Protein backbone atom coordinates (compact mmCIF):
# COMPACT_ATOMS: atom_id res chain seq x y z
CA UNK A 1 15.96 4.03 3.63
CA UNK A 2 15.31 5.87 0.71
CA UNK A 3 11.40 5.54 1.65
CA UNK A 4 8.77 7.89 1.13
CA UNK A 5 4.62 8.35 1.60
CA UNK A 6 2.88 11.15 0.56
CA UNK A 7 -1.31 11.14 0.29
CA UNK A 8 -4.49 11.98 1.61
CA UNK A 9 -6.86 10.02 3.76
CA UNK A 10 -10.14 10.05 6.02
CA UNK A 11 -7.97 11.15 8.91
CA UNK A 12 -6.58 14.09 6.88
CA UNK A 13 -9.16 15.23 4.62
CA UNK A 14 -12.62 15.55 4.09
CA UNK A 15 -14.53 13.12 1.56
CA UNK A 16 -14.93 15.91 -0.84
CA UNK A 17 -11.27 16.36 -1.25
CA UNK A 18 -10.10 12.71 -1.15
CA UNK A 19 -12.43 12.57 -4.68
CA UNK A 20 -10.13 15.08 -6.11
CA UNK A 21 -7.24 12.53 -5.87
CA UNK A 22 -8.90 9.49 -6.09
CA UNK A 23 -7.57 7.35 -9.09
CA UNK A 24 -10.13 5.00 -11.16
CA UNK A 25 -9.05 1.23 -11.11
CA UNK A 26 -8.63 1.65 -15.16
CA UNK A 27 -6.18 4.32 -14.77
CA UNK A 28 -4.19 2.70 -11.83
CA UNK A 29 -1.43 0.40 -13.44
CA UNK A 30 -0.31 3.65 -16.05
CA UNK A 31 -0.20 5.96 -12.81
CA UNK A 32 1.77 3.09 -11.28
CA UNK A 33 4.27 3.52 -14.15
CA UNK A 34 4.07 7.21 -14.21
CA UNK A 35 5.25 7.53 -10.43
CA UNK A 36 7.98 4.68 -10.82
CA UNK A 37 9.58 6.26 -13.96
CA UNK A 38 9.36 10.03 -12.18
CA UNK A 39 12.85 11.87 -11.75
CA UNK A 40 14.27 10.68 -8.59
CA UNK A 41 12.20 7.56 -7.88
CA UNK A 42 13.39 4.32 -8.06
CA UNK A 43 10.28 2.10 -7.27
CA UNK A 44 6.58 3.07 -6.40
CA UNK A 45 3.05 2.14 -5.84
CA UNK A 46 0.09 3.49 -5.20
CA UNK A 47 -3.20 2.53 -3.20
CA UNK A 48 -6.58 4.24 -3.91
CA UNK A 49 -9.55 3.50 -2.01
CA UNK A 50 -12.33 5.19 -0.80
CA UNK A 51 -10.39 6.13 2.60
CA UNK A 52 -7.07 6.48 1.34
CA UNK A 53 -4.91 7.61 -1.98
CA UNK A 54 -1.44 6.87 -1.11
CA UNK A 55 1.99 6.78 -3.42
CA UNK A 56 4.51 4.68 -1.70
CA UNK A 57 7.98 5.45 -3.38
CA UNK A 58 11.97 4.33 -3.00
CA UNK A 59 13.75 7.70 -4.11
CA UNK A 60 17.37 7.87 -5.19
CA UNK A 61 18.68 9.76 -2.43
CA UNK A 62 16.08 10.18 0.02
CA UNK A 63 14.02 12.67 -1.75
CA UNK A 64 12.22 13.55 -4.61
CA UNK A 65 9.38 16.13 -6.00
CA UNK A 66 6.42 14.54 -5.00
CA UNK A 67 4.25 17.37 -5.36
CA UNK A 68 5.70 18.00 -8.81
CA UNK A 69 4.40 14.25 -9.46
CA UNK A 70 0.90 15.24 -8.21
CA UNK A 71 0.73 18.21 -10.14
CA UNK A 72 1.76 15.65 -13.68
CA UNK A 73 -0.44 13.34 -12.57
CA UNK A 74 -3.61 14.71 -11.93
CA UNK A 75 -3.24 18.04 -13.85
CA UNK A 76 -4.21 20.34 -11.19
CA UNK A 77 -1.02 22.53 -8.82
CA UNK A 78 -1.71 20.27 -5.17
CA UNK A 79 -0.37 23.44 -3.06
CA UNK A 80 -3.94 24.36 -2.03
CA UNK A 81 -4.22 20.89 -0.78
CA UNK A 82 -1.49 21.25 1.13
CA UNK A 83 -2.94 21.27 4.14
CA UNK A 84 -4.50 17.62 3.82
CA UNK A 85 -1.68 15.81 2.00
CA UNK A 86 0.88 13.88 4.56
CA UNK A 87 4.72 12.85 4.04
CA UNK A 88 6.22 10.49 5.26
CA UNK A 89 10.33 9.65 4.88
CA UNK A 90 12.58 6.65 5.61
CA UNK A 91 11.72 4.73 8.78
CA UNK A 92 8.18 6.69 9.46
CA UNK A 93 7.30 5.39 5.80
CA UNK A 94 8.34 2.09 6.87
CA UNK A 95 5.72 2.52 10.10
CA UNK A 96 2.76 3.65 8.27
CA UNK A 97 2.97 0.96 5.73
CA UNK A 98 2.83 -1.53 8.16
CA UNK A 99 0.26 0.50 10.12
CA UNK A 100 -1.97 0.46 7.01
CA UNK A 101 -1.58 -3.12 6.51
CA UNK A 102 -2.38 -4.06 9.69
CA UNK A 103 -5.55 -1.65 9.91
CA UNK A 104 -4.30 0.04 12.72
CA UNK A 105 -4.64 3.13 10.30
CA UNK A 106 -8.29 2.34 8.90
CA UNK A 107 -11.11 4.16 10.00
CA UNK A 108 -12.64 0.93 11.47
CA UNK A 109 -9.45 -0.31 13.02
CA UNK A 110 -9.29 -3.71 12.42
CA UNK A 111 -11.17 -4.42 9.38
CA UNK A 112 -9.71 -7.21 6.71
CA UNK A 113 -10.25 -4.84 3.97
CA UNK A 114 -7.44 -2.94 3.90
CA UNK A 115 -4.66 -5.81 3.47
CA UNK A 116 -6.56 -7.03 0.19
CA UNK A 117 -6.62 -3.74 -0.82
CA UNK A 118 -3.20 -3.30 -0.32
CA UNK A 119 -2.20 -6.71 -2.08
CA UNK A 120 -4.09 -5.66 -4.82
CA UNK A 121 -2.36 -2.51 -4.99
CA UNK A 122 1.13 -4.46 -4.86
CA UNK A 123 0.10 -6.72 -7.37
CA UNK A 124 -0.77 -3.77 -9.59
CA UNK A 125 2.88 -2.22 -9.28
CA UNK A 126 4.68 -5.86 -10.00
CA UNK A 127 2.48 -6.36 -13.06
CA UNK A 128 3.66 -2.81 -14.29
CA UNK A 129 7.34 -3.20 -13.04
CA UNK A 130 7.15 -1.05 -10.47
CA UNK A 131 8.23 -2.74 -7.73
CA UNK A 132 11.34 -4.59 -6.94
CA UNK A 133 14.24 -5.08 -4.52
CA UNK A 134 13.35 -3.11 -1.45
CA UNK A 135 10.02 -1.62 -1.79
CA UNK A 136 9.37 -5.48 -2.76
CA UNK A 137 10.91 -6.47 0.96
CA UNK A 138 8.97 -3.74 2.37
CA UNK A 139 5.79 -4.55 1.23
CA UNK A 140 6.43 -8.58 1.28
CA UNK A 141 6.99 -7.64 4.96
CA UNK A 142 4.13 -5.52 5.41
CA UNK A 143 2.01 -8.28 4.55
CA UNK A 144 3.53 -10.73 7.44
CA UNK A 145 3.32 -8.13 10.11
CA UNK A 146 -0.49 -7.56 9.20
CA UNK A 147 -0.85 -11.52 9.84
CA UNK A 148 0.89 -11.30 13.03
CA UNK A 149 -1.24 -8.20 14.79
CA UNK A 150 -4.24 -10.62 13.58
CA UNK A 151 -2.83 -13.91 14.73
CA UNK A 152 -1.08 -12.19 18.45
CA UNK A 153 -3.91 -9.44 19.23
CA UNK A 154 -7.48 -9.13 19.38
CA UNK A 155 -7.51 -5.75 17.34
CA UNK A 156 -9.76 -7.57 14.50
CA UNK A 157 -12.33 -9.57 17.32
CA UNK A 158 -15.79 -8.35 16.72
CA UNK A 159 -14.61 -4.92 14.22
CA UNK A 160 -17.28 -3.02 13.63
CA UNK A 161 -17.33 -2.90 9.65
CA UNK A 162 -18.69 -0.43 7.27
CA UNK A 163 -21.69 -3.04 6.78
CA UNK A 164 -22.35 -3.40 10.07
CA UNK A 165 -23.08 0.10 10.68
CA UNK A 166 -25.37 0.00 7.86
CA UNK A 167 -27.49 -2.16 9.46
CA UNK A 168 -27.53 0.16 12.39
CA UNK A 169 -28.49 3.43 10.67
CA UNK A 170 -31.11 1.33 8.36
CA UNK A 171 -32.60 0.20 11.59
CA UNK A 172 -33.08 3.41 13.37
CA UNK A 173 -35.08 4.62 9.89
CA UNK A 174 -37.31 1.99 9.36
CA UNK A 175 -37.54 0.32 12.61
CA UNK A 176 -36.84 -3.28 11.64
CA UNK A 177 -35.66 -4.56 8.40
CA UNK A 178 -37.87 -6.94 8.02
CA UNK A 179 -39.36 -7.19 4.24
CA UNK A 180 -37.29 -4.75 3.23
CA UNK A 181 -35.29 -4.40 0.21
CA UNK A 182 -31.97 -3.57 -0.98
CA UNK A 183 -30.43 -2.08 -4.68
CA UNK A 184 -26.78 -2.19 -4.88
CA UNK A 185 -25.10 -0.28 -7.33
CA UNK A 186 -21.84 -1.58 -8.36
CA UNK A 187 -20.89 -4.76 -7.71
CA UNK A 188 -17.64 -4.38 -5.74
CA UNK A 189 -16.67 -6.20 -2.07
CA UNK A 190 -18.11 -3.43 0.30
CA UNK A 191 -21.94 -3.96 -1.58
CA UNK A 192 -21.16 -7.42 -1.17
CA UNK A 193 -20.48 -7.34 2.44
CA UNK A 194 -23.42 -4.70 3.03
CA UNK A 195 -25.88 -6.88 1.49
CA UNK A 196 -25.11 -9.75 3.45
CA UNK A 197 -25.63 -8.17 6.76
CA UNK A 198 -28.91 -6.11 5.68
CA UNK A 199 -30.20 -9.82 4.33
CA UNK A 200 -29.10 -11.40 8.11
CA UNK A 201 -31.12 -8.40 9.65
CA UNK A 202 -34.41 -9.18 7.88
CA UNK A 203 -34.24 -7.37 4.37
CA UNK A 204 -35.50 -9.80 1.50
CA UNK A 205 -35.08 -8.84 -1.96
CA UNK A 206 -31.75 -7.28 -3.56
CA UNK A 207 -31.21 -6.07 -6.70
CA UNK A 208 -27.90 -5.28 -8.28
CA UNK A 209 -27.31 -2.88 -10.82
CA UNK A 210 -23.53 -2.70 -12.45
CA UNK A 211 -22.21 -1.02 -15.45
CA UNK A 212 -21.24 -4.52 -16.76
CA UNK A 213 -24.22 -6.74 -16.57
CA UNK A 214 -21.98 -10.17 -16.35
CA UNK A 215 -20.70 -8.73 -12.93
CA UNK A 216 -24.12 -7.78 -11.55
CA UNK A 217 -25.75 -11.16 -12.37
CA UNK A 218 -23.12 -13.10 -10.70
CA UNK A 219 -23.74 -10.91 -7.32
CA UNK A 220 -27.46 -11.07 -7.95
CA UNK A 221 -26.67 -14.75 -8.13
CA UNK A 222 -25.34 -15.45 -4.88
CA UNK A 223 -28.31 -13.93 -3.24
CA UNK A 224 -31.04 -15.25 -5.13
CA UNK A 225 -31.87 -11.41 -6.12
CA UNK A 226 -32.65 -9.62 -9.45
CA UNK A 227 -29.71 -8.11 -11.83
CA UNK A 228 -30.72 -4.76 -13.57
CA UNK A 229 -29.35 -3.46 -16.89
CA UNK A 230 -27.61 -0.20 -15.64
CA UNK A 231 -29.15 1.50 -18.49
CA UNK A 232 -32.86 1.11 -16.34
CA UNK A 233 -31.14 2.07 -13.05
CA UNK A 234 -33.21 5.51 -12.18
CA UNK A 235 -36.56 3.62 -13.23
CA UNK A 236 -36.10 0.56 -10.92
CA UNK A 237 -34.28 2.22 -7.89
CA UNK A 238 -37.49 3.32 -6.50
CA UNK A 239 -38.02 -0.13 -5.80
CA UNK A 240 -35.81 -0.56 -3.02
CA UNK A 241 -35.92 0.43 0.65
CA UNK A 242 -31.80 0.92 1.11
CA UNK A 243 -30.01 2.02 -2.07
CA UNK A 244 -25.94 1.29 -1.55
CA UNK A 245 -23.99 2.80 -4.10
CA UNK A 246 -20.16 2.15 -5.20
CA UNK A 247 -19.28 2.94 -8.33
CA UNK A 248 -16.21 4.16 -10.22
CA UNK A 249 -18.02 7.10 -11.84
CA UNK A 250 -16.10 10.63 -11.65
CA UNK A 251 -19.11 12.16 -11.07
CA UNK A 252 -22.57 11.94 -9.04
CA UNK A 253 -25.03 10.07 -10.57
CA UNK A 254 -28.33 10.49 -7.86
CA UNK A 255 -28.96 13.75 -7.78
CA UNK A 256 -31.48 15.78 -6.37
CA UNK A 257 -33.96 15.88 -9.23
CA UNK A 258 -33.98 12.26 -8.63
CA UNK A 259 -34.65 11.86 -5.41
CA UNK A 260 -38.23 14.22 -5.86
CA UNK A 261 -38.80 11.38 -8.63
CA UNK A 262 -38.22 8.37 -6.56
CA UNK A 263 -40.18 9.87 -3.68
CA UNK A 264 -43.18 10.87 -5.84
CA UNK A 265 -43.10 7.13 -7.11
CA UNK A 266 -42.60 5.86 -3.47
CA UNK A 267 -45.77 7.99 -2.48
CA UNK A 268 -43.27 9.27 0.11
CA UNK A 269 -42.12 6.17 1.66
CA UNK A 270 -38.39 7.00 3.30
CA UNK A 271 -35.24 5.88 0.78
CA UNK A 272 -31.70 5.26 2.69
CA UNK A 273 -29.15 5.65 1.03
CA UNK A 274 -25.61 4.49 1.71
CA UNK A 275 -22.71 6.10 -0.25
CA UNK A 276 -19.55 4.87 0.05
CA UNK A 277 -17.87 5.46 -3.25
CA UNK A 278 -15.09 8.18 -3.79
CA UNK A 279 -15.39 10.17 -5.94
CA UNK A 280 -19.25 10.30 -4.36
CA UNK A 281 -22.02 8.64 -6.31
CA UNK A 282 -24.84 10.84 -4.59
CA UNK A 283 -25.31 14.59 -4.62
CA UNK A 284 -25.17 15.44 -1.17
CA UNK A 285 -28.09 17.57 -1.89
CA UNK A 286 -30.48 14.54 -1.73
CA UNK A 287 -29.87 14.61 2.27
CA UNK A 288 -32.34 18.01 1.88
CA UNK A 289 -35.23 16.33 0.89
CA UNK A 290 -37.81 15.22 3.14
CA UNK A 291 -38.10 11.48 3.24
CA UNK A 292 -34.63 10.76 2.02
CA UNK A 293 -31.36 10.01 4.24
CA UNK A 294 -28.28 10.05 2.88
CA UNK A 295 -24.83 8.54 4.72
CA UNK A 296 -21.46 9.22 2.66
CA UNK A 297 -18.04 7.36 3.94
CA UNK A 298 -17.55 10.20 6.29
CA UNK A 299 -20.76 10.18 8.24
CA UNK A 300 -20.31 6.65 8.27
CA UNK A 301 -16.70 7.28 10.26
CA UNK A 302 -18.31 9.14 12.87
CA UNK A 303 -21.04 6.61 13.29
CA UNK A 304 -17.88 4.17 14.04
CA UNK A 305 -15.64 6.32 15.89
CA UNK A 306 -17.15 5.81 19.38
CA UNK A 307 -15.96 1.95 18.57
CA UNK A 308 -12.63 2.45 19.02
CA UNK A 309 -12.12 2.97 21.95
CA UNK A 310 -13.37 -0.76 23.10
CA UNK A 311 -10.39 -1.73 20.74
CA UNK A 312 -7.67 0.44 22.70
CA UNK A 313 -5.56 -1.98 24.23
CA UNK A 314 -5.53 -4.37 21.34
CA UNK A 315 -4.67 -1.25 19.38
CA UNK A 316 -1.75 -0.44 21.92
CA UNK A 317 -0.59 -4.12 21.46
CA UNK A 318 -0.56 -3.96 17.46
CA UNK A 319 1.07 -0.69 17.84
CA UNK A 320 4.15 -2.04 19.88
CA UNK A 321 4.43 -5.04 17.21
CA UNK A 322 4.76 -2.56 14.54
CA UNK A 323 7.21 -0.42 16.40
CA UNK A 324 9.08 -3.81 16.90
CA UNK A 325 8.96 -4.99 13.29
CA UNK A 326 10.20 -1.42 12.02
CA UNK A 327 12.99 -1.97 13.73
CA UNK A 328 13.90 -5.06 12.63
CA UNK A 329 13.19 -4.16 9.01
CA UNK A 330 15.60 -1.05 9.73
CA UNK A 331 18.27 -3.34 10.90
CA UNK A 332 17.79 -5.66 8.14
CA UNK A 333 18.20 -2.88 4.87
CA UNK A 334 21.19 -1.60 6.87
CA UNK A 335 22.83 -4.95 6.75
CA UNK A 336 22.12 -5.50 3.30
CA UNK A 337 23.93 -2.09 2.40
CA UNK A 338 27.04 -3.46 3.89
CA UNK A 339 27.09 -6.80 2.40
CA UNK A 340 28.29 -5.23 -1.11
CA UNK A 341 31.30 -3.98 0.72
CA UNK A 342 31.89 -7.04 2.65
CA UNK A 343 32.00 -9.35 -0.48
CA UNK A 344 34.15 -6.61 -2.44
CA UNK A 345 36.52 -7.15 0.63
CA UNK A 346 36.52 -10.83 0.46
CA UNK A 347 37.05 -11.22 -3.07
CA UNK A 348 39.93 -8.66 -3.15
CA UNK A 349 41.91 -10.54 0.13
CA UNK A 350 41.74 -13.57 -1.88
CA UNK A 351 42.97 -11.76 -5.27
CA UNK A 352 45.81 -10.75 -2.94
CA UNK A 353 46.21 -14.07 -1.55
CA UNK A 354 46.38 -16.09 -4.92
CA UNK A 355 48.92 -13.58 -6.32
CA UNK A 356 50.97 -13.92 -3.40
CA UNK A 357 51.18 -17.85 -3.37
CA UNK A 358 51.81 -18.05 -7.21
CA UNK A 359 54.50 -14.91 -7.06
CA UNK A 360 56.45 -17.19 -4.27
CA UNK A 361 55.33 -20.21 -5.66
CA UNK A 362 58.63 -20.99 -8.08
CA UNK A 363 60.92 -20.40 -5.27
CA UNK A 364 59.09 -23.16 -3.26
CA UNK A 365 60.18 -25.76 -5.52
CA UNK A 366 57.74 -28.94 -5.72
CA UNK A 367 55.51 -29.42 -3.31
CA UNK A 368 53.95 -32.33 -1.54
CA UNK A 369 50.24 -32.57 -1.52
CA UNK A 370 50.70 -31.96 2.82
CA UNK A 371 52.35 -28.93 2.45
CA UNK A 372 49.84 -27.76 -0.33
CA UNK A 373 47.59 -28.10 2.06
CA UNK A 374 49.51 -26.49 4.76
CA UNK A 375 50.29 -23.39 2.36
CA UNK A 376 46.59 -23.01 1.86
CA UNK A 377 45.56 -23.69 5.54
CA UNK A 378 48.21 -20.94 6.80
CA UNK A 379 47.40 -18.07 3.82
CA UNK A 380 43.93 -17.88 4.38
CA UNK A 381 44.07 -18.32 8.29
CA UNK A 382 45.92 -14.77 7.71
CA UNK A 383 43.26 -13.74 5.41
CA UNK A 384 41.00 -14.26 7.57
CA UNK A 385 42.03 -12.72 10.87
CA UNK A 386 42.73 -9.52 8.48
CA UNK A 387 39.06 -9.90 7.45
CA UNK A 388 37.91 -10.01 10.84
CA UNK A 389 37.77 -7.14 12.26
CA UNK A 390 36.60 -4.55 9.51
CA UNK A 391 33.79 -7.09 8.93
CA UNK A 392 32.85 -7.09 12.49
CA UNK A 393 33.01 -3.23 12.07
CA UNK A 394 30.93 -3.06 9.04
CA UNK A 395 28.24 -5.35 10.66
CA UNK A 396 27.99 -3.26 14.04
CA UNK A 397 27.96 -0.16 12.19
CA UNK A 398 24.88 -1.36 9.92
CA UNK A 399 22.91 -1.35 13.19
CA UNK A 400 23.94 1.94 13.59
CA UNK A 401 22.48 3.92 10.73
CA UNK A 402 24.48 7.04 11.26
CA UNK A 403 27.88 5.53 11.24
CA UNK A 404 27.12 3.33 8.52
CA UNK A 405 27.72 5.35 5.73
CA UNK A 406 30.99 6.62 7.56
CA UNK A 407 32.52 3.00 8.23
CA UNK A 408 31.61 2.14 4.87
CA UNK A 409 33.59 4.27 3.11
CA UNK A 410 36.59 4.10 4.99
CA UNK A 411 36.93 0.85 4.38
CA UNK A 412 36.71 1.09 0.98
CA UNK A 413 39.26 3.75 1.21
CA UNK A 414 41.84 1.49 3.37
CA UNK A 415 41.65 -1.42 0.92
CA UNK A 416 41.28 0.51 -2.44
CA UNK A 417 37.68 -1.13 -2.98
CA UNK A 418 35.46 0.19 -5.36
CA UNK A 419 31.91 1.97 -4.65
CA UNK A 420 29.71 -1.11 -5.29
CA UNK A 421 27.17 1.45 -7.02
CA UNK A 422 29.95 3.92 -8.84
CA UNK A 423 31.17 0.20 -10.86
CA UNK A 424 28.16 -0.51 -11.61
CA UNK A 425 27.46 2.65 -13.33
CA UNK A 426 31.03 2.74 -14.84
CA UNK A 427 30.25 -0.78 -16.54
CA UNK A 428 26.84 0.63 -17.72
CA UNK A 429 28.66 3.20 -19.53
CA UNK A 430 31.41 1.27 -20.92
CA UNK A 431 28.70 -1.36 -22.66
CA UNK A 432 26.80 1.95 -23.30
CA UNK A 433 29.93 3.23 -24.91
CA UNK A 434 30.89 0.04 -26.95
CA UNK A 435 27.30 -0.60 -28.78
CA UNK A 436 27.49 0.21 -32.54
CA UNK A 437 26.12 3.67 -33.29
CA UNK A 438 27.46 4.97 -29.67
CA UNK A 439 29.04 8.51 -29.71
CA UNK A 440 32.63 8.94 -27.83
């Protein structure tokens, strides 16, 4: 299994590092195409969320210079960030992807958003032709594993969410949320979920600003709220007690001077900012102002970490399911690896059988239909007995990854079979050489 994963996430890197690796949605398709085209990589996909940025690839021979790809993609040397990067290969890469899709590697174990994010990344990679064959099989299986985890465990039952944490923190600041107003900067799913929770706990007014006004209007309509043109952001934000920001801006859109102005307009009534964007939308300097409380995605992680123990037993059950599924997937892939050799062996021996029958047919004279059937049955029976042992051995070796390559090579040598991969390369070379203008 020539799979490899490299990336950073909420467990290995603080938000100020993750924001260096974040890829805006508008650039994701281009980045995935670059990954798939990078030397040594056959297929690729990139997941970029507020909590993780990961490159998943199938390589030509089990290795590729992914650090070199990071250098090419970001335009800076990734070496200073090496301690924050993780890298998984082969079986470990499969296990990692299964855990991510199943929300076992999430900041909030059991949260459902990550599966949707992985599916969106998969759709983007497919759309640009970066995913096919083995990587497609891996991702499709990861979705099935995630479904099984959700159906067979209670890991997602009453899962704490970013939205519910935001409500708890807001209650600590305001006492209760009755009559509070909420300002959503950005119109994504996370903002929408947070707004629903806040309204359910007493918030009464929702404002929505987004660079695309139509999206702001559509989200505001769901809550009987007010859509605000983005250019009026700074003049209208002081109307809100709670600000939830999640944009794709490459730099902070709220700085300390903005906070000072907001407090002055609000006569020093407190404001609560929740920054769920990566890169961050809110300069941490705002938190130094009396009356302004800022929580970024890493702060929220600390709040939810205490809830993880409550679901540890269910998470352990989910981990066992993932481990079993990794074994099954590995076995399936290894079996697929020997299939071309089995097919080649069957075709080779069938060719030999037909050639021998044709060679002696003249000496046999005219045969009755019954005799023809008898010759056919006899020759097929001999071929099947010859094939039985090598095919059984190949299938058995497929379950032992350490033996598979050795047995495949031995069977090919014993029966004089062409390596399907080399044959494909030779055929491609022949076709290329035969094209008009090709040099010989």
